[in-house]
Amino acid sequence: MAKPSWQPPAWAFGVVWTPLYASIAWASGRALVRSQGREHCALAASLGVNLALNAAWNVLFFRRRSTAAGVVGTVLLDVSNAELIRRTARADAVAGAVLVPYAAWCAFATALNSDIAYRNRRARR
């Protein structure tokens, strides 16, 4: 599989994802405790969808070995991240801000996945 020169080394992904998952857990917990009623339910649903999309990308890209499906997955995750940050920030501004690095890393992943898909689509022609 052709990869861009700007792809981080494999070890970097674990180093980055560990604190990002911790920040998702902390921010989500903080916001869920501070939300009530419909806002609480909507935030919980947004978080559930976001985590499902996060997990789905791994299946699409690695298990199915589909770079194109991975791009679709990361774009959906980016949209979900914006929604999750919006809902989280509505419940607690600090928690919403804590999710911004997660969204930024996912946007980077979208660019990386898109570049890999493009390089490998051209290579198969």
PDB file of N, CA and C in Angstrom:
ATOM      1  N   MET A   1       0.853  -1.176   0.000  1.00  0.00           N
ATOM      2  CA  MET A   1       0.000   0.000   0.000  1.00  0.00           C
ATOM      3  C   MET A   1       0.900   1.241   0.000  1.00  0.00           C
ATOM      4  N   ALA A   2       0.660   2.136  -0.927  1.00  0.00           N
ATOM      5  CA  ALA A   2       1.424   3.385  -1.015  1.00  0.00           C
ATOM      6  C   ALA A   2       0.943   4.360   0.050  1.00  0.00           C
ATOM      7  N   LYS A   3       1.897   4.956   0.770  1.00  0.00           N
ATOM      8  CA  LYS A   3       1.568   5.894   1.847  1.00  0.00           C
ATOM      9  C   LYS A   3       2.355   7.186   1.654  1.00  0.00           C
ATOM     10  N   PRO A   4       1.796   8.304   2.111  1.00  0.00           N
ATOM     11  CA  PRO A   4       2.515   9.579   1.969  1.00  0.00           C
ATOM     12  C   PRO A   4       3.692   9.670   2.942  1.00  0.00           C
ATOM     13  N   SER A   5       4.656  10.476   2.586  1.00  0.00           N
ATOM     14  CA  SER A   5       5.839  10.649   3.437  1.00  0.00           C
ATOM     15  C   SER A   5       5.499  11.306   4.773  1.00  0.00           C
ATOM     16  N   TRP A   6       4.377  12.021   4.827  1.00  0.00           N
ATOM     17  CA  TRP A   6       4.004  12.738   6.049  1.00  0.00           C
ATOM     18  C   TRP A   6       3.184  11.887   7.019  1.00  0.00           C
ATOM     19  N   GLN A   7       3.018  10.591   6.704  1.00  0.00           N
ATOM     20  CA  GLN A   7       2.313   9.710   7.639  1.00  0.00           C
ATOM     21  C   GLN A   7       3.191   9.509   8.868  1.00  0.00           C
ATOM     22  N   PRO A   8       2.623   9.678  10.057  1.00  0.00           N
ATOM     23  CA  PRO A   8       3.415   9.447  11.281  1.00  0.00           C
ATOM     24  C   PRO A   8       3.847   7.982  11.375  1.00  0.00           C
ATOM     25  N   PRO A   9       4.895   7.709  12.148  1.00  0.00           N
ATOM     26  CA  PRO A   9       5.300   6.319  12.351  1.00  0.00           C
ATOM     27  C   PRO A   9       4.205   5.555  13.114  1.00  0.00           C
ATOM     28  N   ALA A  10       4.187   4.255  12.947  1.00  0.00           N
ATOM     29  CA  ALA A  10       3.136   3.416  13.547  1.00  0.00           C
ATOM     30  C   ALA A  10       3.021   3.626  15.065  1.00  0.00           C
ATOM     31  N   TRP A  11       4.148   3.772  15.749  1.00  0.00           N
ATOM     32  CA  TRP A  11       4.112   3.914  17.206  1.00  0.00           C
ATOM     33  C   TRP A  11       3.388   5.182  17.648  1.00  0.00           C
ATOM     34  N   ALA A  12       3.358   6.196  16.792  1.00  0.00           N
ATOM     35  CA  ALA A  12       2.747   7.480  17.163  1.00  0.00           C
ATOM     36  C   ALA A  12       1.244   7.367  17.376  1.00  0.00           C
ATOM     37  N   PHE A  13       0.613   6.437  16.682  1.00  0.00           N
ATOM     38  CA  PHE A  13      -0.843   6.338  16.790  1.00  0.00           C
ATOM     39  C   PHE A  13      -1.277   5.924  18.196  1.00  0.00           C
ATOM     40  N   GLY A  14      -0.596   4.974  18.798  1.00  0.00           N
ATOM     41  CA  GLY A  14      -0.911   4.590  20.178  1.00  0.00           C
ATOM     42  C   GLY A  14      -0.621   5.704  21.163  1.00  0.00           C
ATOM     43  N   VAL A  15       0.466   6.429  20.925  1.00  0.00           N
ATOM     44  CA  VAL A  15       0.845   7.538  21.794  1.00  0.00           C
ATOM     45  C   VAL A  15      -0.216   8.645  21.736  1.00  0.00           C
ATOM     46  N   VAL A  16      -0.786   8.869  20.568  1.00  0.00           N
ATOM     47  CA  VAL A  16      -1.791   9.922  20.404  1.00  0.00           C
ATOM     48  C   VAL A  16      -3.164   9.453  20.872  1.00  0.00           C
ATOM     49  N   TRP A  17      -3.570   8.248  20.474  1.00  0.00           N
ATOM     50  CA  TRP A  17      -4.927   7.799  20.782  1.00  0.00           C
ATOM     51  C   TRP A  17      -5.174   7.566  22.264  1.00  0.00           C
ATOM     52  N   THR A  18      -4.185   7.148  23.003  1.00  0.00           N
ATOM     53  CA  THR A  18      -4.410   6.887  24.434  1.00  0.00           C
ATOM     54  C   THR A  18      -4.911   8.126  25.172  1.00  0.00           C
ATOM     55  N   PRO A  19      -4.217   9.264  25.097  1.00  0.00           N
ATOM     56  CA  PRO A  19      -4.759  10.450  25.781  1.00  0.00           C
ATOM     57  C   PRO A  19      -6.036  10.981  25.132  1.00  0.00           C
ATOM     58  N   LEU A  20      -6.199  10.778  23.822  1.00  0.00           N
ATOM     59  CA  LEU A  20      -7.444  11.242  23.191  1.00  0.00           C
ATOM     60  C   LEU A  20      -8.644  10.474  23.741  1.00  0.00           C
ATOM     61  N   TYR A  21      -8.513   9.150  23.875  1.00  0.00           N
ATOM     62  CA  TYR A  21      -9.626   8.374  24.440  1.00  0.00           C
ATOM     63  C   TYR A  21      -9.883   8.777  25.889  1.00  0.00           C
ATOM     64  N   ALA A  22      -8.822   9.056  26.630  1.00  0.00           N
ATOM     65  CA  ALA A  22      -9.001   9.518  28.015  1.00  0.00           C
ATOM     66  C   ALA A  22      -9.742  10.854  28.033  1.00  0.00           C
ATOM     67  N   SER A  23      -9.410  11.744  27.101  1.00  0.00           N
ATOM     68  CA  SER A  23     -10.080  13.050  27.064  1.00  0.00           C
ATOM     69  C   SER A  23     -11.543  12.910  26.658  1.00  0.00           C
ATOM     70  N   ILE A  24     -11.835  11.972  25.764  1.00  0.00           N
ATOM     71  CA  ILE A  24     -13.234  11.720  25.384  1.00  0.00           C
ATOM     72  C   ILE A  24     -14.012  11.245  26.605  1.00  0.00           C
ATOM     73  N   ALA A  25     -13.436  10.313  27.345  1.00  0.00           N
ATOM     74  CA  ALA A  25     -14.115   9.782  28.535  1.00  0.00           C
ATOM     75  C   ALA A  25     -14.336  10.888  29.572  1.00  0.00           C
ATOM     76  N   TRP A  26     -13.303  11.685  29.837  1.00  0.00           N
ATOM     77  CA  TRP A  26     -13.417  12.741  30.839  1.00  0.00           C
ATOM     78  C   TRP A  26     -14.445  13.795  30.421  1.00  0.00           C
ATOM     79  N   ALA A  27     -14.312  14.285  29.197  1.00  0.00           N
ATOM     80  CA  ALA A  27     -15.208  15.354  28.723  1.00  0.00           C
ATOM     81  C   ALA A  27     -16.650  14.867  28.648  1.00  0.00           C
ATOM     82  N   SER A  28     -16.832  13.660  28.154  1.00  0.00           N
ATOM     83  CA  SER A  28     -18.191  13.129  28.040  1.00  0.00           C
ATOM     84  C   SER A  28     -18.820  12.923  29.406  1.00  0.00           C
ATOM     85  N   GLY A  29     -18.062  12.351  30.323  1.00  0.00           N
ATOM     86  CA  GLY A  29     -18.574  12.159  31.675  1.00  0.00           C
ATOM     87  C   GLY A  29     -18.940  13.479  32.334  1.00  0.00           C
ATOM     88  N   ARG A  30     -18.061  14.461  32.187  1.00  0.00           N
ATOM     89  CA  ARG A  30     -18.319  15.780  32.784  1.00  0.00           C
ATOM     90  C   ARG A  30     -19.580  16.406  32.193  1.00  0.00           C
ATOM     91  N   ALA A  31     -19.705  16.341  30.873  1.00  0.00           N
ATOM     92  CA  ALA A  31     -20.869  16.954  30.216  1.00  0.00           C
ATOM     93  C   ALA A  31     -22.155  16.191  30.528  1.00  0.00           C
ATOM     94  N   LEU A  32     -22.075  14.868  30.580  1.00  0.00           N
ATOM     95  CA  LEU A  32     -23.279  14.085  30.879  1.00  0.00           C
ATOM     96  C   LEU A  32     -23.782  14.366  32.294  1.00  0.00           C
ATOM     97  N   VAL A  33     -22.880  14.534  33.234  1.00  0.00           N
ATOM     98  CA  VAL A  33     -23.270  14.852  34.615  1.00  0.00           C
ATOM     99  C   VAL A  33     -23.945  16.221  34.688  1.00  0.00           C
ATOM    100  N   ARG A  34     -23.529  17.137  33.838  1.00  0.00           N
ATOM    101  CA  ARG A  34     -24.054  18.502  33.867  1.00  0.00           C
ATOM    102  C   ARG A  34     -25.279  18.712  32.985  1.00  0.00           C
ATOM    103  N   SER A  35     -25.661  17.711  32.244  1.00  0.00           N
ATOM    104  CA  SER A  35     -26.830  17.857  31.358  1.00  0.00           C
ATOM    105  C   SER A  35     -28.033  17.147  31.967  1.00  0.00           C
ATOM    106  N   GLN A  36     -29.217  17.538  31.488  1.00  0.00           N
ATOM    107  CA  GLN A  36     -30.452  16.969  32.025  1.00  0.00           C
ATOM    108  C   GLN A  36     -31.467  16.760  30.913  1.00  0.00           C
ATOM    109  N   GLY A  37     -32.396  15.896  31.173  1.00  0.00           N
ATOM    110  CA  GLY A  37     -33.547  15.708  30.294  1.00  0.00           C
ATOM    111  C   GLY A  37     -33.174  15.362  28.864  1.00  0.00           C
ATOM    112  N   ARG A  38     -33.836  16.037  27.928  1.00  0.00           N
ATOM    113  CA  ARG A  38     -33.605  15.772  26.504  1.00  0.00           C
ATOM    114  C   ARG A  38     -32.170  16.062  26.094  1.00  0.00           C
ATOM    115  N   GLU A  39     -31.598  17.120  26.674  1.00  0.00           N
ATOM    116  CA  GLU A  39     -30.209  17.459  26.359  1.00  0.00           C
ATOM    117  C   GLU A  39     -29.275  16.310  26.756  1.00  0.00           C
ATOM    118  N   HIS A  40     -29.521  15.717  27.909  1.00  0.00           N
ATOM    119  CA  HIS A  40     -28.725  14.583  28.382  1.00  0.00           C
ATOM    120  C   HIS A  40     -28.865  13.396  27.425  1.00  0.00           C
ATOM    121  N   CYS A  41     -30.087  13.083  27.047  1.00  0.00           N
ATOM    122  CA  CYS A  41     -30.337  11.955  26.130  1.00  0.00           C
ATOM    123  C   CYS A  41     -29.699  12.195  24.770  1.00  0.00           C
ATOM    124  N   ALA A  42     -29.814  13.415  24.255  1.00  0.00           N
ATOM    125  CA  ALA A  42     -29.234  13.737  22.953  1.00  0.00           C
ATOM    126  C   ALA A  42     -27.707  13.669  23.007  1.00  0.00           C
ATOM    127  N   LEU A  43     -27.125  14.134  24.097  1.00  0.00           N
ATOM    128  CA  LEU A  43     -25.678  14.070  24.256  1.00  0.00           C
ATOM    129  C   LEU A  43     -25.216  12.617  24.342  1.00  0.00           C
ATOM    130  N   ALA A  44     -25.917  11.802  25.101  1.00  0.00           N
ATOM    131  CA  ALA A  44     -25.562  10.386  25.213  1.00  0.00           C
ATOM    132  C   ALA A  44     -25.662   9.693  23.849  1.00  0.00           C
ATOM    133  N   ALA A  45     -26.700  10.001  23.089  1.00  0.00           N
ATOM    134  CA  ALA A  45     -26.856   9.419  21.753  1.00  0.00           C
ATOM    135  C   ALA A  45     -25.737   9.883  20.828  1.00  0.00           C
ATOM    136  N   SER A  46     -25.397  11.163  20.887  1.00  0.00           N
ATOM    137  CA  SER A  46     -24.317  11.705  20.063  1.00  0.00           C
ATOM    138  C   SER A  46     -22.992  11.029  20.390  1.00  0.00           C
ATOM    139  N   LEU A  47     -22.738  10.818  21.658  1.00  0.00           N
ATOM    140  CA  LEU A  47     -21.526  10.130  22.079  1.00  0.00           C
ATOM    141  C   LEU A  47     -21.518   8.688  21.576  1.00  0.00           C
ATOM    142  N   GLY A  48     -22.637   7.997  21.709  1.00  0.00           N
ATOM    143  CA  GLY A  48     -22.723   6.615  21.242  1.00  0.00           C
ATOM    144  C   GLY A  48     -22.478   6.494  19.744  1.00  0.00           C
ATOM    145  N   VAL A  49     -23.088   7.373  18.970  1.00  0.00           N
ATOM    146  CA  VAL A  49     -22.883   7.371  17.516  1.00  0.00           C
ATOM    147  C   VAL A  49     -21.419   7.653  17.202  1.00  0.00           C
ATOM    148  N   ASN A  50     -20.844   8.624  17.893  1.00  0.00           N
ATOM    149  CA  ASN A  50     -19.457   8.992  17.654  1.00  0.00           C
ATOM    150  C   ASN A  50     -18.512   7.820  17.920  1.00  0.00           C
ATOM    151  N   LEU A  51     -18.699   7.155  19.030  1.00  0.00           N
ATOM    152  CA  LEU A  51     -17.823   6.029  19.362  1.00  0.00           C
ATOM    153  C   LEU A  51     -18.025   4.863  18.395  1.00  0.00           C
ATOM    154  N   ALA A  52     -19.259   4.663  17.943  1.00  0.00           N
ATOM    155  CA  ALA A  52     -19.515   3.616  16.946  1.00  0.00           C
ATOM    156  C   ALA A  52     -18.821   3.945  15.626  1.00  0.00           C
ATOM    157  N   LEU A  53     -18.884   5.197  15.205  1.00  0.00           N
ATOM    158  CA  LEU A  53     -18.202   5.604  13.969  1.00  0.00           C
ATOM    159  C   LEU A  53     -16.689   5.493  14.128  1.00  0.00           C
ATOM    160  N   ASN A  54     -16.189   5.822  15.296  1.00  0.00           N
ATOM    161  CA  ASN A  54     -14.760   5.697  15.561  1.00  0.00           C
ATOM    162  C   ASN A  54     -14.328   4.239  15.403  1.00  0.00           C
ATOM    163  N   ALA A  55     -15.076   3.325  15.986  1.00  0.00           N
ATOM    164  CA  ALA A  55     -14.755   1.904  15.877  1.00  0.00           C
ATOM    165  C   ALA A  55     -14.969   1.378  14.456  1.00  0.00           C
ATOM    166  N   ALA A  56     -15.985   1.881  13.777  1.00  0.00           N
ATOM    167  CA  ALA A  56     -16.290   1.418  12.419  1.00  0.00           C
ATOM    168  C   ALA A  56     -15.161   1.727  11.449  1.00  0.00           C
ATOM    169  N   TRP A  57     -14.480   2.846  11.643  1.00  0.00           N
ATOM    170  CA  TRP A  57     -13.383   3.177  10.734  1.00  0.00           C
ATOM    171  C   TRP A  57     -12.340   2.075  10.715  1.00  0.00           C
ATOM    172  N   ASN A  58     -11.994   1.546  11.878  1.00  0.00           N
ATOM    173  CA  ASN A  58     -11.001   0.467  11.945  1.00  0.00           C
ATOM    174  C   ASN A  58     -11.435  -0.749  11.146  1.00  0.00           C
ATOM    175  N   VAL A  59     -12.706  -1.076  11.234  1.00  0.00           N
ATOM    176  CA  VAL A  59     -13.243  -2.205  10.476  1.00  0.00           C
ATOM    177  C   VAL A  59     -13.169  -1.914   8.981  1.00  0.00           C
ATOM    178  N   LEU A  60     -13.594  -0.727   8.586  1.00  0.00           N
ATOM    179  CA  LEU A  60     -13.599  -0.371   7.165  1.00  0.00           C
ATOM    180  C   LEU A  60     -12.191  -0.352   6.577  1.00  0.00           C
ATOM    181  N   PHE A  61     -11.278   0.289   7.251  1.00  0.00           N
ATOM    182  CA  PHE A  61      -9.936   0.486   6.707  1.00  0.00           C
ATOM    183  C   PHE A  61      -9.066  -0.759   6.850  1.00  0.00           C
ATOM    184  N   PHE A  62      -9.036  -1.353   8.031  1.00  0.00           N
ATOM    185  CA  PHE A  62      -8.119  -2.465   8.275  1.00  0.00           C
ATOM    186  C   PHE A  62      -8.725  -3.833   7.959  1.00  0.00           C
ATOM    187  N   ARG A  63      -9.904  -4.105   8.472  1.00  0.00           N
ATOM    188  CA  ARG A  63     -10.482  -5.439   8.276  1.00  0.00           C
ATOM    189  C   ARG A  63     -10.991  -5.627   6.852  1.00  0.00           C
ATOM    190  N   ARG A  64     -11.722  -4.625   6.338  1.00  0.00           N
ATOM    191  CA  ARG A  64     -12.235  -4.708   4.963  1.00  0.00           C
ATOM    192  C   ARG A  64     -11.191  -4.304   3.939  1.00  0.00           C
ATOM    193  N   ARG A  65     -10.126  -3.660   4.416  1.00  0.00           N
ATOM    194  CA  ARG A  65      -9.036  -3.183   3.550  1.00  0.00           C
ATOM    195  C   ARG A  65      -9.560  -2.279   2.436  1.00  0.00           C
ATOM    196  N   SER A  66     -10.460  -1.389   2.832  1.00  0.00           N
ATOM    197  CA  SER A  66     -11.061  -0.466   1.874  1.00  0.00           C
ATOM    198  C   SER A  66     -10.689   0.964   2.244  1.00  0.00           C
ATOM    199  N   THR A  67      -9.738   1.523   1.516  1.00  0.00           N
ATOM    200  CA  THR A  67      -9.348   2.899   1.794  1.00  0.00           C
ATOM    201  C   THR A  67     -10.487   3.861   1.464  1.00  0.00           C
ATOM    202  N   ALA A  68     -11.254   3.557   0.416  1.00  0.00           N
ATOM    203  CA  ALA A  68     -12.378   4.434   0.036  1.00  0.00           C
ATOM    204  C   ALA A  68     -13.459   4.419   1.114  1.00  0.00           C
ATOM    205  N   ALA A  69     -13.806   3.242   1.613  1.00  0.00           N
ATOM    206  CA  ALA A  69     -14.794   3.168   2.695  1.00  0.00           C
ATOM    207  C   ALA A  69     -14.256   3.845   3.949  1.00  0.00           C
ATOM    208  N   GLY A  70     -12.939   3.752   4.168  1.00  0.00           N
ATOM    209  CA  GLY A  70     -12.324   4.446   5.296  1.00  0.00           C
ATOM    210  C   GLY A  70     -12.499   5.949   5.197  1.00  0.00           C
ATOM    211  N   VAL A  71     -12.372   6.493   3.983  1.00  0.00           N
ATOM    212  CA  VAL A  71     -12.579   7.934   3.798  1.00  0.00           C
ATOM    213  C   VAL A  71     -14.010   8.312   4.168  1.00  0.00           C
ATOM    214  N   VAL A  72     -14.974   7.544   3.695  1.00  0.00           N
ATOM    215  CA  VAL A  72     -16.373   7.815   4.043  1.00  0.00           C
ATOM    216  C   VAL A  72     -16.545   7.761   5.559  1.00  0.00           C
ATOM    217  N   GLY A  73     -15.943   6.756   6.182  1.00  0.00           N
ATOM    218  CA  GLY A  73     -16.032   6.627   7.636  1.00  0.00           C
ATOM    219  C   GLY A  73     -15.428   7.803   8.376  1.00  0.00           C
ATOM    220  N   THR A  74     -14.274   8.290   7.915  1.00  0.00           N
ATOM    221  CA  THR A  74     -13.648   9.413   8.612  1.00  0.00           C
ATOM    222  C   THR A  74     -14.415  10.709   8.399  1.00  0.00           C
ATOM    223  N   VAL A  75     -14.987  10.878   7.226  1.00  0.00           N
ATOM    224  CA  VAL A  75     -15.799  12.088   6.994  1.00  0.00           C
ATOM    225  C   VAL A  75     -17.025  12.069   7.909  1.00  0.00           C
ATOM    226  N   LEU A  76     -17.674  10.911   8.007  1.00  0.00           N
ATOM    227  CA  LEU A  76     -18.820  10.800   8.924  1.00  0.00           C
ATOM    228  C   LEU A  76     -18.392  11.046  10.366  1.00  0.00           C
ATOM    229  N   LEU A  77     -17.216  10.550  10.728  1.00  0.00           N
ATOM    230  CA  LEU A  77     -16.704  10.779  12.080  1.00  0.00           C
ATOM    231  C   LEU A  77     -16.427  12.263  12.305  1.00  0.00           C
ATOM    232  N   ASP A  78     -15.905  12.956  11.298  1.00  0.00           N
ATOM    233  CA  ASP A  78     -15.661  14.396  11.430  1.00  0.00           C
ATOM    234  C   ASP A  78     -16.973  15.158  11.673  1.00  0.00           C
ATOM    235  N   VAL A  79     -18.005  14.791  10.947  1.00  0.00           N
ATOM    236  CA  VAL A  79     -19.319  15.431  11.142  1.00  0.00           C
ATOM    237  C   VAL A  79     -19.830  15.122  12.549  1.00  0.00           C
ATOM    238  N   SER A  80     -19.683  13.872  12.959  1.00  0.00           N
ATOM    239  CA  SER A  80     -20.109  13.473  14.297  1.00  0.00           C
ATOM    240  C   SER A  80     -19.312  14.209  15.375  1.00  0.00           C
ATOM    241  N   ASN A  81     -18.032  14.420  15.141  1.00  0.00           N
ATOM    242  CA  ASN A  81     -17.209  15.155  16.107  1.00  0.00           C
ATOM    243  C   ASN A  81     -17.727  16.574  16.299  1.00  0.00           C
ATOM    244  N   ALA A  82     -18.068  17.224  15.199  1.00  0.00           N
ATOM    245  CA  ALA A  82     -18.600  18.597  15.302  1.00  0.00           C
ATOM    246  C   ALA A  82     -19.885  18.606  16.122  1.00  0.00           C
ATOM    247  N   GLU A  83     -20.742  17.636  15.864  1.00  0.00           N
ATOM    248  CA  GLU A  83     -22.005  17.545  16.613  1.00  0.00           C
ATOM    249  C   GLU A  83     -21.742  17.242  18.088  1.00  0.00           C
ATOM    250  N   LEU A  84     -20.828  16.322  18.351  1.00  0.00           N
ATOM    251  CA  LEU A  84     -20.509  15.971  19.737  1.00  0.00           C
ATOM    252  C   LEU A  84     -19.919  17.171  20.479  1.00  0.00           C
ATOM    253  N   ILE A  85     -19.024  17.894  19.852  1.00  0.00           N
ATOM    254  CA  ILE A  85     -18.447  19.080  20.498  1.00  0.00           C
ATOM    255  C   ILE A  85     -19.527  20.124  20.758  1.00  0.00           C
ATOM    256  N   ARG A  86     -20.408  20.323  19.795  1.00  0.00           N
ATOM    257  CA  ARG A  86     -21.494  21.301  19.976  1.00  0.00           C
ATOM    258  C   ARG A  86     -22.362  20.927  21.172  1.00  0.00           C
ATOM    259  N   ARG A  87     -22.788  19.689  21.231  1.00  0.00           N
ATOM    260  CA  ARG A  87     -23.650  19.251  22.339  1.00  0.00           C
ATOM    261  C   ARG A  87     -22.907  19.260  23.667  1.00  0.00           C
ATOM    262  N   THR A  88     -21.661  18.827  23.649  1.00  0.00           N
ATOM    263  CA  THR A  88     -20.863  18.793  24.879  1.00  0.00           C
ATOM    264  C   THR A  88     -20.637  20.208  25.407  1.00  0.00           C
ATOM    265  N   ALA A  89     -20.276  21.122  24.518  1.00  0.00           N
ATOM    266  CA  ALA A  89     -20.026  22.508  24.921  1.00  0.00           C
ATOM    267  C   ALA A  89     -21.285  23.176  25.448  1.00  0.00           C
ATOM    268  N   ARG A  90     -22.427  22.773  24.930  1.00  0.00           N
ATOM    269  CA  ARG A  90     -23.686  23.327  25.434  1.00  0.00           C
ATOM    270  C   ARG A  90     -23.886  22.935  26.903  1.00  0.00           C
ATOM    271  N   ALA A  91     -23.478  21.719  27.247  1.00  0.00           N
ATOM    272  CA  ALA A  91     -23.606  21.270  28.634  1.00  0.00           C
ATOM    273  C   ALA A  91     -22.476  21.803  29.510  1.00  0.00           C
ATOM    274  N   ASP A  92     -21.256  21.907  28.926  1.00  0.00           N
ATOM    275  CA  ASP A  92     -20.099  22.367  29.692  1.00  0.00           C
ATOM    276  C   ASP A  92     -19.018  22.830  28.709  1.00  0.00           C
ATOM    277  N   ALA A  93     -18.709  24.114  28.743  1.00  0.00           N
ATOM    278  CA  ALA A  93     -17.760  24.694  27.784  1.00  0.00           C
ATOM    279  C   ALA A  93     -16.367  24.078  27.890  1.00  0.00           C
ATOM    280  N   VAL A  94     -15.917  23.803  29.093  1.00  0.00           N
ATOM    281  CA  VAL A  94     -14.588  23.207  29.273  1.00  0.00           C
ATOM    282  C   VAL A  94     -14.545  21.819  28.641  1.00  0.00           C
ATOM    283  N   ALA A  95     -15.570  21.026  28.875  1.00  0.00           N
ATOM    284  CA  ALA A  95     -15.625  19.679  28.295  1.00  0.00           C
ATOM    285  C   ALA A  95     -15.635  19.751  26.771  1.00  0.00           C
ATOM    286  N   GLY A  96     -16.371  20.702  26.223  1.00  0.00           N
ATOM    287  CA  GLY A  96     -16.388  20.864  24.766  1.00  0.00           C
ATOM    288  C   GLY A  96     -15.015  21.204  24.223  1.00  0.00           C
ATOM    289  N   ALA A  97     -14.303  22.081  24.907  1.00  0.00           N
ATOM    290  CA  ALA A  97     -12.954  22.469  24.469  1.00  0.00           C
ATOM    291  C   ALA A  97     -11.975  21.302  24.540  1.00  0.00           C
ATOM    292  N   VAL A  98     -12.159  20.432  25.518  1.00  0.00           N
ATOM    293  CA  VAL A  98     -11.270  19.274  25.673  1.00  0.00           C
ATOM    294  C   VAL A  98     -11.395  18.321  24.487  1.00  0.00           C
ATOM    295  N   LEU A  99     -12.532  18.318  23.803  1.00  0.00           N
ATOM    296  CA  LEU A  99     -12.725  17.432  22.657  1.00  0.00           C
ATOM    297  C   LEU A  99     -12.118  17.962  21.356  1.00  0.00           C
ATOM    298  N   VAL A 100     -11.684  19.191  21.335  1.00  0.00           N
ATOM    299  CA  VAL A 100     -11.143  19.784  20.103  1.00  0.00           C
ATOM    300  C   VAL A 100      -9.905  19.041  19.584  1.00  0.00           C
ATOM    301  N   PRO A 101      -8.944  18.645  20.424  1.00  0.00           N
ATOM    302  CA  PRO A 101      -7.804  17.884  19.879  1.00  0.00           C
ATOM    303  C   PRO A 101      -8.231  16.557  19.243  1.00  0.00           C
ATOM    304  N   TYR A 102      -9.231  15.908  19.793  1.00  0.00           N
ATOM    305  CA  TYR A 102      -9.772  14.675  19.202  1.00  0.00           C
ATOM    306  C   TYR A 102     -10.300  14.960  17.797  1.00  0.00           C
ATOM    307  N   ALA A 103     -11.074  16.008  17.661  1.00  0.00           N
ATOM    308  CA  ALA A 103     -11.613  16.367  16.344  1.00  0.00           C
ATOM    309  C   ALA A 103     -10.486  16.731  15.380  1.00  0.00           C
ATOM    310  N   ALA A 104      -9.466  17.433  15.871  1.00  0.00           N
ATOM    311  CA  ALA A 104      -8.336  17.818  15.022  1.00  0.00           C
ATOM    312  C   ALA A 104      -7.571  16.580  14.550  1.00  0.00           C
ATOM    313  N   TRP A 105      -7.349  15.624  15.433  1.00  0.00           N
ATOM    314  CA  TRP A 105      -6.644  14.399  15.053  1.00  0.00           C
ATOM    315  C   TRP A 105      -7.467  13.612  14.035  1.00  0.00           C
ATOM    316  N   CYS A 106      -8.773  13.560  14.230  1.00  0.00           N
ATOM    317  CA  CYS A 106      -9.632  12.857  13.273  1.00  0.00           C
ATOM    318  C   CYS A 106      -9.629  13.556  11.919  1.00  0.00           C
ATOM    319  N   ALA A 107      -9.587  14.879  11.900  1.00  0.00           N
ATOM    320  CA  ALA A 107      -9.489  15.612  10.636  1.00  0.00           C
ATOM    321  C   ALA A 107      -8.164  15.291   9.942  1.00  0.00           C
ATOM    322  N   PHE A 108      -7.091  15.211  10.721  1.00  0.00           N
ATOM    323  CA  PHE A 108      -5.801  14.791  10.168  1.00  0.00           C
ATOM    324  C   PHE A 108      -5.912  13.379   9.593  1.00  0.00           C
ATOM    325  N   ALA A 109      -6.582  12.493  10.318  1.00  0.00           N
ATOM    326  CA  ALA A 109      -6.768  11.122   9.839  1.00  0.00           C
ATOM    327  C   ALA A 109      -7.564  11.088   8.537  1.00  0.00           C
ATOM    328  N   THR A 110      -8.530  11.982   8.404  1.00  0.00           N
ATOM    329  CA  THR A 110      -9.298  12.061   7.162  1.00  0.00           C
ATOM    330  C   THR A 110      -8.387  12.454   6.003  1.00  0.00           C
ATOM    331  N   ALA A 111      -7.533  13.438   6.225  1.00  0.00           N
ATOM    332  CA  ALA A 111      -6.587  13.853   5.178  1.00  0.00           C
ATOM    333  C   ALA A 111      -5.628  12.723   4.836  1.00  0.00           C
ATOM    334  N   LEU A 112      -5.120  12.049   5.842  1.00  0.00           N
ATOM    335  CA  LEU A 112      -4.196  10.937   5.622  1.00  0.00           C
ATOM    336  C   LEU A 112      -4.881   9.793   4.889  1.00  0.00           C
ATOM    337  N   ASN A 113      -6.053   9.402   5.345  1.00  0.00           N
ATOM    338  CA  ASN A 113      -6.809   8.326   4.710  1.00  0.00           C
ATOM    339  C   ASN A 113      -7.140   8.680   3.264  1.00  0.00           C
ATOM    340  N   SER A 114      -7.513   9.929   3.024  1.00  0.00           N
ATOM    341  CA  SER A 114      -7.834  10.374   1.667  1.00  0.00           C
ATOM    342  C   SER A 114      -6.620  10.293   0.758  1.00  0.00           C
ATOM    343  N   ASP A 115      -5.469  10.709   1.269  1.00  0.00           N
ATOM    344  CA  ASP A 115      -4.236  10.636   0.480  1.00  0.00           C
ATOM    345  C   ASP A 115      -3.885   9.186   0.166  1.00  0.00           C
ATOM    346  N   ILE A 116      -3.992   8.310   1.139  1.00  0.00           N
ATOM    347  CA  ILE A 116      -3.701   6.890   0.921  1.00  0.00           C
ATOM    348  C   ILE A 116      -4.670   6.305  -0.108  1.00  0.00           C
ATOM    349  N   ALA A 117      -5.946   6.639   0.009  1.00  0.00           N
ATOM    350  CA  ALA A 117      -6.939   6.136  -0.953  1.00  0.00           C
ATOM    351  C   ALA A 117      -6.611   6.624  -2.360  1.00  0.00           C
ATOM    352  N   TYR A 118      -6.264   7.894  -2.481  1.00  0.00           N
ATOM    353  CA  TYR A 118      -5.928   8.465  -3.791  1.00  0.00           C
ATOM    354  C   TYR A 118      -4.694   7.795  -4.380  1.00  0.00           C
ATOM    355  N   ARG A 119      -3.635   7.649  -3.598  1.00  0.00           N
ATOM    356  CA  ARG A 119      -2.399   7.027  -4.079  1.00  0.00           C
ATOM    357  C   ARG A 119      -2.630   5.598  -4.533  1.00  0.00           C
ATOM    358  N   ASN A 120      -3.431   4.873  -3.804  1.00  0.00           N
ATOM    359  CA  ASN A 120      -3.635   3.465  -4.113  1.00  0.00           C
ATOM    360  C   ASN A 120      -4.676   3.245  -5.192  1.00  0.00           C
ATOM    361  N   ARG A 121      -5.567   4.172  -5.388  1.00  0.00           N
ATOM    362  CA  ARG A 121      -6.498   4.088  -6.506  1.00  0.00           C
ATOM    363  C   ARG A 121      -5.722   4.243  -7.810  1.00  0.00           C
ATOM    364  N   ARG A 122      -4.835   5.208  -7.851  1.00  0.00           N
ATOM    365  CA  ARG A 122      -4.007   5.448  -9.038  1.00  0.00           C
ATOM    366  C   ARG A 122      -3.083   4.280  -9.309  1.00  0.00           C
ATOM    367  N   ALA A 123      -2.579   3.640  -8.248  1.00  0.00           N
ATOM    368  CA  ALA A 123      -1.633   2.530  -8.405  1.00  0.00           C
ATOM    369  C   ALA A 123      -2.293   1.310  -9.025  1.00  0.00           C
ATOM    370  N   ARG A 124      -3.601   1.144  -8.845  1.00  0.00           N
ATOM    371  CA  ARG A 124      -4.305  -0.039  -9.369  1.00  0.00           C
ATOM    372  C   ARG A 124      -4.690   0.123 -10.839  1.00  0.00           C
ATOM    373  N   ARG A 125      -4.603   1.317 -11.365  1.00  0.00           N
ATOM    374  CA  ARG A 125      -5.007   1.525 -12.760  1.00  0.00           C
ATOM    375  C   ARG A 125      -4.014   0.974 -13.729  1.00  0.00           C
TER     376      ARG A 125
END
